[in-house]
Amino acid sequence: MNPQAKLISISSLLLGTTITISSNHWMMAWTGLEINTLAILPLISKPHHPRAIEAATKYFLVQAAASTLLLFSSTTNALFTGQWDVTQLTHPTSCLLLTTAISIKLGLVPFH
């Protein structure tokens, strides 16, 4: 991989993580998570082998489904509570959906 491309990928990972950690709004947290997903894809598919491309495609599809679930969770919470803040997650359905989405994104045991 080109050194400049690797530098851009790693700096995008740092930027996405920083945005996610410092956000107070669900859309900014989602944006940071998506930056991380798009930054890691070239690093996964770096060796030009069919298995690497297959792994990158599977990773992308799973992360896209988890992102959709996260957006649905935040929308459901906003519908029931009227708040888009990260700290105002009070509806039980929204909490369950958010926990599931974050578990999928992290690759925790039942979702790995």
C-alpha atoms as a PDB file:
ATOM      1  CA  MET A   1       0.000   0.000   0.000  1.00  0.00           C
ATOM      2  CA  ASN A   2       1.173   3.487  -0.820  1.00  0.00           C
ATOM      3  CA  PRO A   3       2.564   5.284   2.278  1.00  0.00           C
ATOM      4  CA  GLN A   4       0.308   8.297   1.653  1.00  0.00           C
ATOM      5  CA  ALA A   5      -2.768   6.080   1.362  1.00  0.00           C
ATOM      6  CA  LYS A   6      -1.837   4.261   4.562  1.00  0.00           C
ATOM      7  CA  LEU A   7      -1.353   7.605   6.336  1.00  0.00           C
ATOM      8  CA  ILE A   8      -4.756   8.812   5.138  1.00  0.00           C
ATOM      9  CA  SER A   9      -6.423   5.565   6.290  1.00  0.00           C
ATOM     10  CA  ILE A  10      -4.858   5.715   9.740  1.00  0.00           C
ATOM     11  CA  SER A  11      -5.615   9.419  10.159  1.00  0.00           C
ATOM     12  CA  SER A  12      -9.211   8.752   9.083  1.00  0.00           C
ATOM     13  CA  LEU A  13      -9.444   6.056  11.757  1.00  0.00           C
ATOM     14  CA  LEU A  14      -8.242   8.528  14.367  1.00  0.00           C
ATOM     15  CA  LEU A  15     -10.623  11.217  13.095  1.00  0.00           C
ATOM     16  CA  GLY A  16     -13.630   8.863  13.129  1.00  0.00           C
ATOM     17  CA  THR A  17     -12.815   7.670  16.638  1.00  0.00           C
ATOM     18  CA  THR A  18     -12.419  11.236  17.882  1.00  0.00           C
ATOM     19  CA  ILE A  19     -15.718  12.309  16.323  1.00  0.00           C
ATOM     20  CA  THR A  20     -17.544   9.325  17.824  1.00  0.00           C
ATOM     21  CA  ILE A  21     -16.144   9.817  21.320  1.00  0.00           C
ATOM     22  CA  SER A  22     -16.725  13.580  21.434  1.00  0.00           C
ATOM     23  CA  SER A  23     -20.242  13.649  19.954  1.00  0.00           C
ATOM     24  CA  ASN A  24     -23.379  14.648  21.842  1.00  0.00           C
ATOM     25  CA  HIS A  25     -25.732  13.986  18.946  1.00  0.00           C
ATOM     26  CA  TRP A  26     -26.607  10.601  17.455  1.00  0.00           C
ATOM     27  CA  MET A  27     -25.929  11.711  13.888  1.00  0.00           C
ATOM     28  CA  MET A  28     -22.377  12.766  14.733  1.00  0.00           C
ATOM     29  CA  ALA A  29     -21.747   9.471  16.537  1.00  0.00           C
ATOM     30  CA  TRP A  30     -23.025   7.618  13.473  1.00  0.00           C
ATOM     31  CA  THR A  31     -20.842   9.751  11.197  1.00  0.00           C
ATOM     32  CA  GLY A  32     -17.743   8.883  13.208  1.00  0.00           C
ATOM     33  CA  LEU A  33     -18.584   5.183  13.094  1.00  0.00           C
ATOM     34  CA  GLU A  34     -19.067   5.337   9.325  1.00  0.00           C
ATOM     35  CA  ILE A  35     -15.740   7.120   8.851  1.00  0.00           C
ATOM     36  CA  ASN A  36     -14.121   4.284  10.796  1.00  0.00           C
ATOM     37  CA  THR A  37     -15.859   1.664   8.656  1.00  0.00           C
ATOM     38  CA  LEU A  38     -14.797   3.294   5.404  1.00  0.00           C
ATOM     39  CA  ALA A  39     -11.235   3.828   6.643  1.00  0.00           C
ATOM     40  CA  ILE A  40     -10.689   0.202   7.644  1.00  0.00           C
ATOM     41  CA  LEU A  41     -11.955  -1.302   4.374  1.00  0.00           C
ATOM     42  CA  PRO A  42      -8.778  -0.537   2.343  1.00  0.00           C
ATOM     43  CA  LEU A  43      -6.658  -1.933   5.142  1.00  0.00           C
ATOM     44  CA  ILE A  44      -8.670  -5.192   5.143  1.00  0.00           C
ATOM     45  CA  SER A  45      -8.537  -5.601   1.368  1.00  0.00           C
ATOM     46  CA  LYS A  46      -4.873  -4.566   1.058  1.00  0.00           C
ATOM     47  CA  PRO A  47      -3.580  -8.003   0.063  1.00  0.00           C
ATOM     48  CA  HIS A  48      -5.132  -8.482  -3.382  1.00  0.00           C
ATOM     49  CA  HIS A  49      -6.487 -11.929  -2.710  1.00  0.00           C
ATOM     50  CA  PRO A  50     -10.067 -13.086  -3.285  1.00  0.00           C
ATOM     51  CA  ARG A  51     -10.464 -13.978   0.392  1.00  0.00           C
ATOM     52  CA  ALA A  52      -9.412 -10.472   1.456  1.00  0.00           C
ATOM     53  CA  ILE A  53     -11.969  -8.905  -0.890  1.00  0.00           C
ATOM     54  CA  GLU A  54     -14.614 -11.329   0.392  1.00  0.00           C
ATOM     55  CA  ALA A  55     -13.770 -10.457   4.000  1.00  0.00           C
ATOM     56  CA  ALA A  56     -13.959  -6.728   3.251  1.00  0.00           C
ATOM     57  CA  THR A  57     -17.340  -7.159   1.563  1.00  0.00           C
ATOM     58  CA  LYS A  58     -18.741  -9.161   4.480  1.00  0.00           C
ATOM     59  CA  TYR A  59     -17.363  -6.621   6.958  1.00  0.00           C
ATOM     60  CA  PHE A  60     -18.976  -3.780   5.020  1.00  0.00           C
ATOM     61  CA  LEU A  61     -22.384  -5.473   4.870  1.00  0.00           C
ATOM     62  CA  VAL A  62     -22.416  -6.333   8.577  1.00  0.00           C
ATOM     63  CA  GLN A  63     -21.311  -2.817   9.543  1.00  0.00           C
ATOM     64  CA  ALA A  64     -23.936  -1.252   7.252  1.00  0.00           C
ATOM     65  CA  ALA A  65     -26.661  -3.363   8.893  1.00  0.00           C
ATOM     66  CA  ALA A  66     -25.417  -2.337  12.358  1.00  0.00           C
ATOM     67  CA  SER A  67     -25.374   1.325  11.313  1.00  0.00           C
ATOM     68  CA  THR A  68     -28.944   1.037  10.093  1.00  0.00           C
ATOM     69  CA  LEU A  69     -29.944  -0.493  13.406  1.00  0.00           C
ATOM     70  CA  LEU A  70     -28.183   2.331  15.264  1.00  0.00           C
ATOM     71  CA  LEU A  71     -30.013   4.987  13.236  1.00  0.00           C
ATOM     72  CA  PHE A  72     -33.305   3.186  13.810  1.00  0.00           C
ATOM     73  CA  SER A  73     -32.600   3.106  17.538  1.00  0.00           C
ATOM     74  CA  SER A  74     -31.883   6.827  17.679  1.00  0.00           C
ATOM     75  CA  THR A  75     -34.955   7.623  15.586  1.00  0.00           C
ATOM     76  CA  THR A  76     -37.139   5.479  17.842  1.00  0.00           C
ATOM     77  CA  ASN A  77     -35.739   7.222  20.900  1.00  0.00           C
ATOM     78  CA  ALA A  78     -36.391  10.635  19.330  1.00  0.00           C
ATOM     79  CA  LEU A  79     -39.937   9.576  18.497  1.00  0.00           C
ATOM     80  CA  PHE A  80     -40.735   8.541  22.066  1.00  0.00           C
ATOM     81  CA  THR A  81     -38.736  11.133  24.042  1.00  0.00           C
ATOM     82  CA  GLY A  82     -38.325  14.060  21.640  1.00  0.00           C
ATOM     83  CA  GLN A  83     -34.566  14.193  22.315  1.00  0.00           C
ATOM     84  CA  TRP A  84     -31.670  13.455  19.929  1.00  0.00           C
ATOM     85  CA  ASP A  85     -29.001  13.678  22.638  1.00  0.00           C
ATOM     86  CA  VAL A  86     -26.816  10.676  23.373  1.00  0.00           C
ATOM     87  CA  THR A  87     -27.394  11.106  27.095  1.00  0.00           C
ATOM     88  CA  GLN A  88     -31.212  11.034  26.807  1.00  0.00           C
ATOM     89  CA  LEU A  89     -31.608   7.370  25.843  1.00  0.00           C
ATOM     90  CA  THR A  90     -34.466   6.376  28.143  1.00  0.00           C
ATOM     91  CA  HIS A  91     -36.881   4.258  26.109  1.00  0.00           C
ATOM     92  CA  PRO A  92     -36.320   0.498  26.702  1.00  0.00           C
ATOM     93  CA  THR A  93     -36.762  -0.515  23.047  1.00  0.00           C
ATOM     94  CA  SER A  94     -34.246   2.093  21.956  1.00  0.00           C
ATOM     95  CA  CYS A  95     -31.784   0.915  24.598  1.00  0.00           C
ATOM     96  CA  LEU A  96     -32.098  -2.678  23.439  1.00  0.00           C
ATOM     97  CA  LEU A  97     -31.661  -1.743  19.771  1.00  0.00           C
ATOM     98  CA  LEU A  98     -28.674   0.465  20.535  1.00  0.00           C
ATOM     99  CA  THR A  99     -27.016  -2.242  22.618  1.00  0.00           C
ATOM    100  CA  THR A 100     -27.521  -4.716  19.788  1.00  0.00           C
ATOM    101  CA  ALA A 101     -26.133  -2.294  17.185  1.00  0.00           C
ATOM    102  CA  ILE A 102     -23.041  -1.459  19.240  1.00  0.00           C
ATOM    103  CA  SER A 103     -22.505  -5.161  19.958  1.00  0.00           C
ATOM    104  CA  ILE A 104     -22.588  -5.925  16.250  1.00  0.00           C
ATOM    105  CA  LYS A 105     -20.202  -3.075  15.488  1.00  0.00           C
ATOM    106  CA  LEU A 106     -17.797  -4.278  18.160  1.00  0.00           C
ATOM    107  CA  GLY A 107     -18.156  -7.933  17.165  1.00  0.00           C
ATOM    108  CA  LEU A 108     -19.109  -9.168  20.604  1.00  0.00           C
ATOM    109  CA  VAL A 109     -19.651 -12.855  21.162  1.00  0.00           C
ATOM    110  CA  PRO A 110     -23.154 -13.601  19.889  1.00  0.00           C
ATOM    111  CA  PHE A 111     -22.646 -11.270  16.912  1.00  0.00           C
ATOM    112  CA  HIS A 112     -19.105 -12.116  15.803  1.00  0.00           C
END
